[in-house]
Amino acid sequence: MNALSKLSELSAGTSAVVREFPKQGSAFLRLREMGLMPGTALTLIRTAPLGDPIEVKVRGYNLTLRKSEAEQILVEASAKA
């Protein structure tokens, strides 16, 4: 099993699986409504030049997140093929 890291720390093109995210508050509701749940696969598409926001591909669509939100999401990077 790979170590968990923050979504905000991934490099562009890296695929990962969501393992943990905030369990309460507005961030929890917003992320859940956007389809980010534990076990969800995603790929980091790109990060803005100054690091905020970031764009991920999840469930067939591109989603833009604030860096502060991405720092609360723990992911496990997928094994390279």
PDB file of N, CA and C in Angstrom:
ATOM      1  N   MET A   1       0.843  -1.186   0.000  1.00  0.00           N
ATOM      2  CA  MET A   1       0.000   0.000   0.000  1.00  0.00           C
ATOM      3  C   MET A   1       0.884   1.244   0.000  1.00  0.00           C
ATOM      4  N   ASN A   2       0.552   2.184  -0.872  1.00  0.00           N
ATOM      5  CA  ASN A   2       1.307   3.426  -0.945  1.00  0.00           C
ATOM      6  C   ASN A   2       0.940   4.334   0.224  1.00  0.00           C
ATOM      7  N   ALA A   3       1.848   5.234   0.541  1.00  0.00           N
ATOM      8  CA  ALA A   3       1.588   6.201   1.605  1.00  0.00           C
ATOM      9  C   ALA A   3       0.540   7.208   1.136  1.00  0.00           C
ATOM     10  N   LEU A   4      -0.220   7.728   2.071  1.00  0.00           N
ATOM     11  CA  LEU A   4      -1.209   8.746   1.745  1.00  0.00           C
ATOM     12  C   LEU A   4      -0.531  10.099   1.620  1.00  0.00           C
ATOM     13  N   SER A   5      -1.021  10.902   0.685  1.00  0.00           N
ATOM     14  CA  SER A   5      -0.515  12.259   0.523  1.00  0.00           C
ATOM     15  C   SER A   5      -1.697  13.175   0.242  1.00  0.00           C
ATOM     16  N   LYS A   6      -1.466  14.456   0.350  1.00  0.00           N
ATOM     17  CA  LYS A   6      -2.521  15.432   0.072  1.00  0.00           C
ATOM     18  C   LYS A   6      -2.703  15.545  -1.437  1.00  0.00           C
ATOM     19  N   LEU A   7      -3.924  15.732  -1.866  1.00  0.00           N
ATOM     20  CA  LEU A   7      -4.211  15.923  -3.276  1.00  0.00           C
ATOM     21  C   LEU A   7      -3.417  17.102  -3.831  1.00  0.00           C
ATOM     22  N   SER A   8      -3.237  18.123  -3.041  1.00  0.00           N
ATOM     23  CA  SER A   8      -2.514  19.321  -3.480  1.00  0.00           C
ATOM     24  C   SER A   8      -1.031  19.061  -3.746  1.00  0.00           C
ATOM     25  N   GLU A   9      -0.502  17.914  -3.287  1.00  0.00           N
ATOM     26  CA  GLU A   9       0.921  17.604  -3.455  1.00  0.00           C
ATOM     27  C   GLU A   9       1.217  16.751  -4.682  1.00  0.00           C
ATOM     28  N   LEU A  10       0.189  16.287  -5.393  1.00  0.00           N
ATOM     29  CA  LEU A  10       0.403  15.435  -6.564  1.00  0.00           C
ATOM     30  C   LEU A  10       0.968  16.231  -7.730  1.00  0.00           C
ATOM     31  N   SER A  11       1.647  15.530  -8.621  1.00  0.00           N
ATOM     32  CA  SER A  11       2.154  16.130  -9.855  1.00  0.00           C
ATOM     33  C   SER A  11       1.117  15.945 -10.956  1.00  0.00           C
ATOM     34  N   ALA A  12       1.154  16.832 -11.948  1.00  0.00           N
ATOM     35  CA  ALA A  12       0.229  16.731 -13.077  1.00  0.00           C
ATOM     36  C   ALA A  12       0.368  15.372 -13.743  1.00  0.00           C
ATOM     37  N   GLY A  13      -0.761  14.766 -14.091  1.00  0.00           N
ATOM     38  CA  GLY A  13      -0.771  13.468 -14.743  1.00  0.00           C
ATOM     39  C   GLY A  13      -0.829  12.288 -13.788  1.00  0.00           C
ATOM     40  N   THR A  14      -0.706  12.534 -12.498  1.00  0.00           N
ATOM     41  CA  THR A  14      -0.733  11.462 -11.507  1.00  0.00           C
ATOM     42  C   THR A  14      -2.165  11.023 -11.227  1.00  0.00           C
ATOM     43  N   SER A  15      -2.373   9.712 -11.244  1.00  0.00           N
ATOM     44  CA  SER A  15      -3.674   9.147 -10.887  1.00  0.00           C
ATOM     45  C   SER A  15      -3.636   8.711  -9.429  1.00  0.00           C
ATOM     46  N   ALA A  16      -4.768   8.822  -8.764  1.00  0.00           N
ATOM     47  CA  ALA A  16      -4.836   8.479  -7.349  1.00  0.00           C
ATOM     48  C   ALA A  16      -6.255   8.078  -6.989  1.00  0.00           C
ATOM     49  N   VAL A  17      -6.401   7.559  -5.776  1.00  0.00           N
ATOM     50  CA  VAL A  17      -7.708   7.178  -5.239  1.00  0.00           C
ATOM     51  C   VAL A  17      -7.920   7.944  -3.942  1.00  0.00           C
ATOM     52  N   VAL A  18      -9.085   8.566  -3.809  1.00  0.00           N
ATOM     53  CA  VAL A  18      -9.409   9.309  -2.593  1.00  0.00           C
ATOM     54  C   VAL A  18      -9.525   8.319  -1.440  1.00  0.00           C
ATOM     55  N   ARG A  19      -8.841   8.608  -0.342  1.00  0.00           N
ATOM     56  CA  ARG A  19      -8.920   7.753   0.846  1.00  0.00           C
ATOM     57  C   ARG A  19      -9.613   8.450   2.013  1.00  0.00           C
ATOM     58  N   GLU A  20      -9.364   9.747   2.205  1.00  0.00           N
ATOM     59  CA  GLU A  20      -9.986  10.493   3.313  1.00  0.00           C
ATOM     60  C   GLU A  20     -10.233  11.929   2.886  1.00  0.00           C
ATOM     61  N   PHE A  21     -11.279  12.524   3.458  1.00  0.00           N
ATOM     62  CA  PHE A  21     -11.526  13.953   3.282  1.00  0.00           C
ATOM     63  C   PHE A  21     -12.336  14.434   4.476  1.00  0.00           C
ATOM     64  N   PRO A  22     -12.545  15.749   4.606  1.00  0.00           N
ATOM     65  CA  PRO A  22     -13.220  16.269   5.807  1.00  0.00           C
ATOM     66  C   PRO A  22     -14.536  15.541   6.066  1.00  0.00           C
ATOM     67  N   LYS A  23     -14.792  15.263   7.323  1.00  0.00           N
ATOM     68  CA  LYS A  23     -15.984  14.507   7.687  1.00  0.00           C
ATOM     69  C   LYS A  23     -17.160  15.403   8.094  1.00  0.00           C
ATOM     70  N   GLN A  24     -16.934  16.711   8.095  1.00  0.00           N
ATOM     71  CA  GLN A  24     -18.015  17.626   8.457  1.00  0.00           C
ATOM     72  C   GLN A  24     -17.739  18.999   7.884  1.00  0.00           C
ATOM     73  N   GLY A  25     -18.713  19.868   7.979  1.00  0.00           N
ATOM     74  CA  GLY A  25     -18.559  21.238   7.529  1.00  0.00           C
ATOM     75  C   GLY A  25     -18.906  21.427   6.060  1.00  0.00           C
ATOM     76  N   SER A  26     -18.760  22.652   5.596  1.00  0.00           N
ATOM     77  CA  SER A  26     -19.141  22.982   4.229  1.00  0.00           C
ATOM     78  C   SER A  26     -18.252  22.285   3.199  1.00  0.00           C
ATOM     79  N   ALA A  27     -16.983  22.068   3.520  1.00  0.00           N
ATOM     80  CA  ALA A  27     -16.091  21.375   2.587  1.00  0.00           C
ATOM     81  C   ALA A  27     -16.583  19.953   2.348  1.00  0.00           C
ATOM     82  N   PHE A  28     -17.029  19.281   3.395  1.00  0.00           N
ATOM     83  CA  PHE A  28     -17.542  17.916   3.267  1.00  0.00           C
ATOM     84  C   PHE A  28     -18.725  17.882   2.314  1.00  0.00           C
ATOM     85  N   LEU A  29     -19.679  18.759   2.514  1.00  0.00           N
ATOM     86  CA  LEU A  29     -20.877  18.775   1.677  1.00  0.00           C
ATOM     87  C   LEU A  29     -20.528  19.089   0.227  1.00  0.00           C
ATOM     88  N   ARG A  30     -19.702  20.084   0.020  1.00  0.00           N
ATOM     89  CA  ARG A  30     -19.337  20.489  -1.340  1.00  0.00           C
ATOM     90  C   ARG A  30     -18.619  19.361  -2.071  1.00  0.00           C
ATOM     91  N   LEU A  31     -17.648  18.732  -1.430  1.00  0.00           N
ATOM     92  CA  LEU A  31     -16.887  17.656  -2.064  1.00  0.00           C
ATOM     93  C   LEU A  31     -17.776  16.452  -2.372  1.00  0.00           C
ATOM     94  N   ARG A  32     -18.647  16.115  -1.458  1.00  0.00           N
ATOM     95  CA  ARG A  32     -19.555  14.986  -1.676  1.00  0.00           C
ATOM     96  C   ARG A  32     -20.499  15.263  -2.836  1.00  0.00           C
ATOM     97  N   GLU A  33     -21.022  16.470  -2.905  1.00  0.00           N
ATOM     98  CA  GLU A  33     -21.922  16.841  -4.001  1.00  0.00           C
ATOM     99  C   GLU A  33     -21.219  16.793  -5.351  1.00  0.00           C
ATOM    100  N   MET A  34     -19.918  17.017  -5.361  1.00  0.00           N
ATOM    101  CA  MET A  34     -19.145  16.984  -6.606  1.00  0.00           C
ATOM    102  C   MET A  34     -18.675  15.580  -6.965  1.00  0.00           C
ATOM    103  N   GLY A  35     -18.989  14.588  -6.161  1.00  0.00           N
ATOM    104  CA  GLY A  35     -18.652  13.221  -6.482  1.00  0.00           C
ATOM    105  C   GLY A  35     -17.373  12.698  -5.868  1.00  0.00           C
ATOM    106  N   LEU A  36     -16.750  13.445  -4.987  1.00  0.00           N
ATOM    107  CA  LEU A  36     -15.526  12.975  -4.333  1.00  0.00           C
ATOM    108  C   LEU A  36     -15.885  12.261  -3.046  1.00  0.00           C
ATOM    109  N   MET A  37     -15.713  10.953  -3.078  1.00  0.00           N
ATOM    110  CA  MET A  37     -15.977  10.111  -1.916  1.00  0.00           C
ATOM    111  C   MET A  37     -14.786   9.173  -1.751  1.00  0.00           C
ATOM    112  N   PRO A  38     -14.568   8.643  -0.563  1.00  0.00           N
ATOM    113  CA  PRO A  38     -13.493   7.655  -0.413  1.00  0.00           C
ATOM    114  C   PRO A  38     -13.669   6.519  -1.427  1.00  0.00           C
ATOM    115  N   GLY A  39     -12.578   6.157  -2.088  1.00  0.00           N
ATOM    116  CA  GLY A  39     -12.600   5.110  -3.104  1.00  0.00           C
ATOM    117  C   GLY A  39     -12.728   5.640  -4.521  1.00  0.00           C
ATOM    118  N   THR A  40     -12.969   6.933  -4.688  1.00  0.00           N
ATOM    119  CA  THR A  40     -13.124   7.520  -6.007  1.00  0.00           C
ATOM    120  C   THR A  40     -11.762   7.722  -6.665  1.00  0.00           C
ATOM    121  N   ALA A  41     -11.628   7.248  -7.898  1.00  0.00           N
ATOM    122  CA  ALA A  41     -10.386   7.435  -8.659  1.00  0.00           C
ATOM    123  C   ALA A  41     -10.400   8.817  -9.307  1.00  0.00           C
ATOM    124  N   LEU A  42      -9.232   9.434  -9.388  1.00  0.00           N
ATOM    125  CA  LEU A  42      -9.103  10.733 -10.038  1.00  0.00           C
ATOM    126  C   LEU A  42      -7.712  10.867 -10.640  1.00  0.00           C
ATOM    127  N   THR A  43      -7.559  11.855 -11.517  1.00  0.00           N
ATOM    128  CA  THR A  43      -6.266  12.172 -12.119  1.00  0.00           C
ATOM    129  C   THR A  43      -6.067  13.674 -12.036  1.00  0.00           C
ATOM    130  N   LEU A  44      -4.901  14.098 -11.567  1.00  0.00           N
ATOM    131  CA  LEU A  44      -4.595  15.522 -11.526  1.00  0.00           C
ATOM    132  C   LEU A  44      -4.234  15.971 -12.938  1.00  0.00           C
ATOM    133  N   ILE A  45      -5.011  16.877 -13.495  1.00  0.00           N
ATOM    134  CA  ILE A  45      -4.795  17.358 -14.852  1.00  0.00           C
ATOM    135  C   ILE A  45      -3.740  18.453 -14.871  1.00  0.00           C
ATOM    136  N   ARG A  46      -3.954  19.484 -14.067  1.00  0.00           N
ATOM    137  CA  ARG A  46      -2.995  20.596 -14.026  1.00  0.00           C
ATOM    138  C   ARG A  46      -3.210  21.449 -12.788  1.00  0.00           C
ATOM    139  N   THR A  47      -2.177  22.198 -12.483  1.00  0.00           N
ATOM    140  CA  THR A  47      -2.210  23.162 -11.387  1.00  0.00           C
ATOM    141  C   THR A  47      -1.974  24.532 -11.989  1.00  0.00           C
ATOM    142  N   ALA A  48      -2.690  25.540 -11.539  1.00  0.00           N
ATOM    143  CA  ALA A  48      -2.489  26.903 -12.024  1.00  0.00           C
ATOM    144  C   ALA A  48      -1.057  27.353 -11.732  1.00  0.00           C
ATOM    145  N   PRO A  49      -0.549  28.313 -12.492  1.00  0.00           N
ATOM    146  CA  PRO A  49       0.842  28.752 -12.311  1.00  0.00           C
ATOM    147  C   PRO A  49       1.221  29.123 -10.876  1.00  0.00           C
ATOM    148  N   LEU A  50       0.329  29.698 -10.136  1.00  0.00           N
ATOM    149  CA  LEU A  50       0.638  30.065  -8.753  1.00  0.00           C
ATOM    150  C   LEU A  50       0.170  28.999  -7.753  1.00  0.00           C
ATOM    151  N   GLY A  51      -0.255  27.827  -8.268  1.00  0.00           N
ATOM    152  CA  GLY A  51      -0.623  26.712  -7.402  1.00  0.00           C
ATOM    153  C   GLY A  51      -2.078  26.670  -6.979  1.00  0.00           C
ATOM    154  N   ASP A  52      -2.874  27.633  -7.389  1.00  0.00           N
ATOM    155  CA  ASP A  52      -4.273  27.673  -6.979  1.00  0.00           C
ATOM    156  C   ASP A  52      -5.104  28.273  -8.094  1.00  0.00           C
ATOM    157  N   PRO A  53      -6.077  27.591  -8.638  1.00  0.00           N
ATOM    158  CA  PRO A  53      -6.661  26.315  -8.240  1.00  0.00           C
ATOM    159  C   PRO A  53      -5.973  25.142  -8.940  1.00  0.00           C
ATOM    160  N   ILE A  54      -6.491  23.930  -8.677  1.00  0.00           N
ATOM    161  CA  ILE A  54      -6.018  22.738  -9.364  1.00  0.00           C
ATOM    162  C   ILE A  54      -7.201  22.115 -10.098  1.00  0.00           C
ATOM    163  N   GLU A  55      -6.901  21.387 -11.174  1.00  0.00           N
ATOM    164  CA  GLU A  55      -7.946  20.739 -11.960  1.00  0.00           C
ATOM    165  C   GLU A  55      -7.727  19.231 -11.928  1.00  0.00           C
ATOM    166  N   VAL A  56      -8.775  18.495 -11.609  1.00  0.00           N
ATOM    167  CA  VAL A  56      -8.700  17.034 -11.572  1.00  0.00           C
ATOM    168  C   VAL A  56      -9.795  16.454 -12.465  1.00  0.00           C
ATOM    169  N   LYS A  57      -9.539  15.273 -12.997  1.00  0.00           N
ATOM    170  CA  LYS A  57     -10.556  14.541 -13.755  1.00  0.00           C
ATOM    171  C   LYS A  57     -11.111  13.484 -12.819  1.00  0.00           C
ATOM    172  N   VAL A  58     -12.411  13.547 -12.584  1.00  0.00           N
ATOM    173  CA  VAL A  58     -13.077  12.615 -11.667  1.00  0.00           C
ATOM    174  C   VAL A  58     -14.438  12.249 -12.245  1.00  0.00           C
ATOM    175  N   ARG A  59     -14.727  10.960 -12.281  1.00  0.00           N
ATOM    176  CA  ARG A  59     -16.024  10.458 -12.767  1.00  0.00           C
ATOM    177  C   ARG A  59     -16.377  10.990 -14.157  1.00  0.00           C
ATOM    178  N   GLY A  60     -15.376  11.148 -15.026  1.00  0.00           N
ATOM    179  CA  GLY A  60     -15.610  11.554 -16.411  1.00  0.00           C
ATOM    180  C   GLY A  60     -15.736  13.041 -16.666  1.00  0.00           C
ATOM    181  N   TYR A  61     -15.514  13.872 -15.673  1.00  0.00           N
ATOM    182  CA  TYR A  61     -15.550  15.316 -15.912  1.00  0.00           C
ATOM    183  C   TYR A  61     -14.385  15.995 -15.203  1.00  0.00           C
ATOM    184  N   ASN A  62     -14.066  17.196 -15.654  1.00  0.00           N
ATOM    185  CA  ASN A  62     -12.990  17.960 -15.042  1.00  0.00           C
ATOM    186  C   ASN A  62     -13.559  18.846 -13.947  1.00  0.00           C
ATOM    187  N   LEU A  63     -12.909  18.811 -12.807  1.00  0.00           N
ATOM    188  CA  LEU A  63     -13.346  19.528 -11.616  1.00  0.00           C
ATOM    189  C   LEU A  63     -12.218  20.429 -11.141  1.00  0.00           C
ATOM    190  N   THR A  64     -12.528  21.668 -10.858  1.00  0.00           N
ATOM    191  CA  THR A  64     -11.541  22.611 -10.345  1.00  0.00           C
ATOM    192  C   THR A  64     -11.758  22.792  -8.849  1.00  0.00           C
ATOM    193  N   LEU A  65     -10.686  22.650  -8.083  1.00  0.00           N
ATOM    194  CA  LEU A  65     -10.736  22.787  -6.626  1.00  0.00           C
ATOM    195  C   LEU A  65      -9.776  23.867  -6.162  1.00  0.00           C
ATOM    196  N   ARG A  66     -10.145  24.523  -5.097  1.00  0.00           N
ATOM    197  CA  ARG A  66      -9.209  25.448  -4.445  1.00  0.00           C
ATOM    198  C   ARG A  66      -8.101  24.630  -3.797  1.00  0.00           C
ATOM    199  N   LYS A  67      -6.931  25.213  -3.704  1.00  0.00           N
ATOM    200  CA  LYS A  67      -5.809  24.522  -3.071  1.00  0.00           C
ATOM    201  C   LYS A  67      -6.149  24.194  -1.619  1.00  0.00           C
ATOM    202  N   SER A  68      -6.859  25.085  -0.930  1.00  0.00           N
ATOM    203  CA  SER A  68      -7.228  24.841   0.469  1.00  0.00           C
ATOM    204  C   SER A  68      -8.133  23.614   0.599  1.00  0.00           C
ATOM    205  N   GLU A  69      -8.970  23.357  -0.409  1.00  0.00           N
ATOM    206  CA  GLU A  69      -9.807  22.156  -0.393  1.00  0.00           C
ATOM    207  C   GLU A  69      -8.962  20.918  -0.687  1.00  0.00           C
ATOM    208  N   ALA A  70      -8.077  21.030  -1.671  1.00  0.00           N
ATOM    209  CA  ALA A  70      -7.232  19.894  -2.060  1.00  0.00           C
ATOM    210  C   ALA A  70      -6.305  19.470  -0.928  1.00  0.00           C
ATOM    211  N   GLU A  71      -5.929  20.397  -0.064  1.00  0.00           N
ATOM    212  CA  GLU A  71      -5.058  20.063   1.074  1.00  0.00           C
ATOM    213  C   GLU A  71      -5.775  19.223   2.116  1.00  0.00           C
ATOM    214  N   GLN A  72      -7.104  19.205   2.097  1.00  0.00           N
ATOM    215  CA  GLN A  72      -7.873  18.434   3.070  1.00  0.00           C
ATOM    216  C   GLN A  72      -8.200  17.024   2.580  1.00  0.00           C
ATOM    217  N   ILE A  73      -7.871  16.736   1.310  1.00  0.00           N
ATOM    218  CA  ILE A  73      -8.186  15.442   0.714  1.00  0.00           C
ATOM    219  C   ILE A  73      -6.943  14.585   0.684  1.00  0.00           C
ATOM    220  N   LEU A  74      -6.990  13.438   1.352  1.00  0.00           N
ATOM    221  CA  LEU A  74      -5.862  12.495   1.349  1.00  0.00           C
ATOM    222  C   LEU A  74      -6.107  11.446   0.276  1.00  0.00           C
ATOM    223  N   VAL A  75      -5.078  11.224  -0.547  1.00  0.00           N
ATOM    224  CA  VAL A  75      -5.176  10.275  -1.642  1.00  0.00           C
ATOM    225  C   VAL A  75      -4.038   9.261  -1.589  1.00  0.00           C
ATOM    226  N   GLU A  76      -4.250   8.158  -2.266  1.00  0.00           N
ATOM    227  CA  GLU A  76      -3.223   7.135  -2.434  1.00  0.00           C
ATOM    228  C   GLU A  76      -2.915   7.076  -3.925  1.00  0.00           C
ATOM    229  N   ALA A  77      -1.672   7.405  -4.288  1.00  0.00           N
ATOM    230  CA  ALA A  77      -1.286   7.389  -5.696  1.00  0.00           C
ATOM    231  C   ALA A  77      -1.399   5.977  -6.257  1.00  0.00           C
ATOM    232  N   SER A  78      -1.898   5.874  -7.485  1.00  0.00           N
ATOM    233  CA  SER A  78      -2.043   4.575  -8.142  1.00  0.00           C
ATOM    234  C   SER A  78      -0.688   4.083  -8.611  1.00  0.00           C
ATOM    235  N   ALA A  79      -0.526   2.772  -8.653  1.00  0.00           N
ATOM    236  CA  ALA A  79       0.727   2.178  -9.123  1.00  0.00           C
ATOM    237  C   ALA A  79       0.892   2.459 -10.603  1.00  0.00           C
ATOM    238  N   LYS A  80       2.108   2.762 -11.007  1.00  0.00           N
ATOM    239  CA  LYS A  80       2.424   3.011 -12.415  1.00  0.00           C
ATOM    240  C   LYS A  80       2.399   1.689 -13.169  1.00  0.00           C
ATOM    241  N   ALA A  81       1.859   1.711 -14.363  1.00  0.00           N
ATOM    242  CA  ALA A  81       1.789   0.491 -15.176  1.00  0.00           C
ATOM    243  C   ALA A  81       3.071   0.267 -15.930  1.00  0.00           C
TER     244      ALA A  81
END
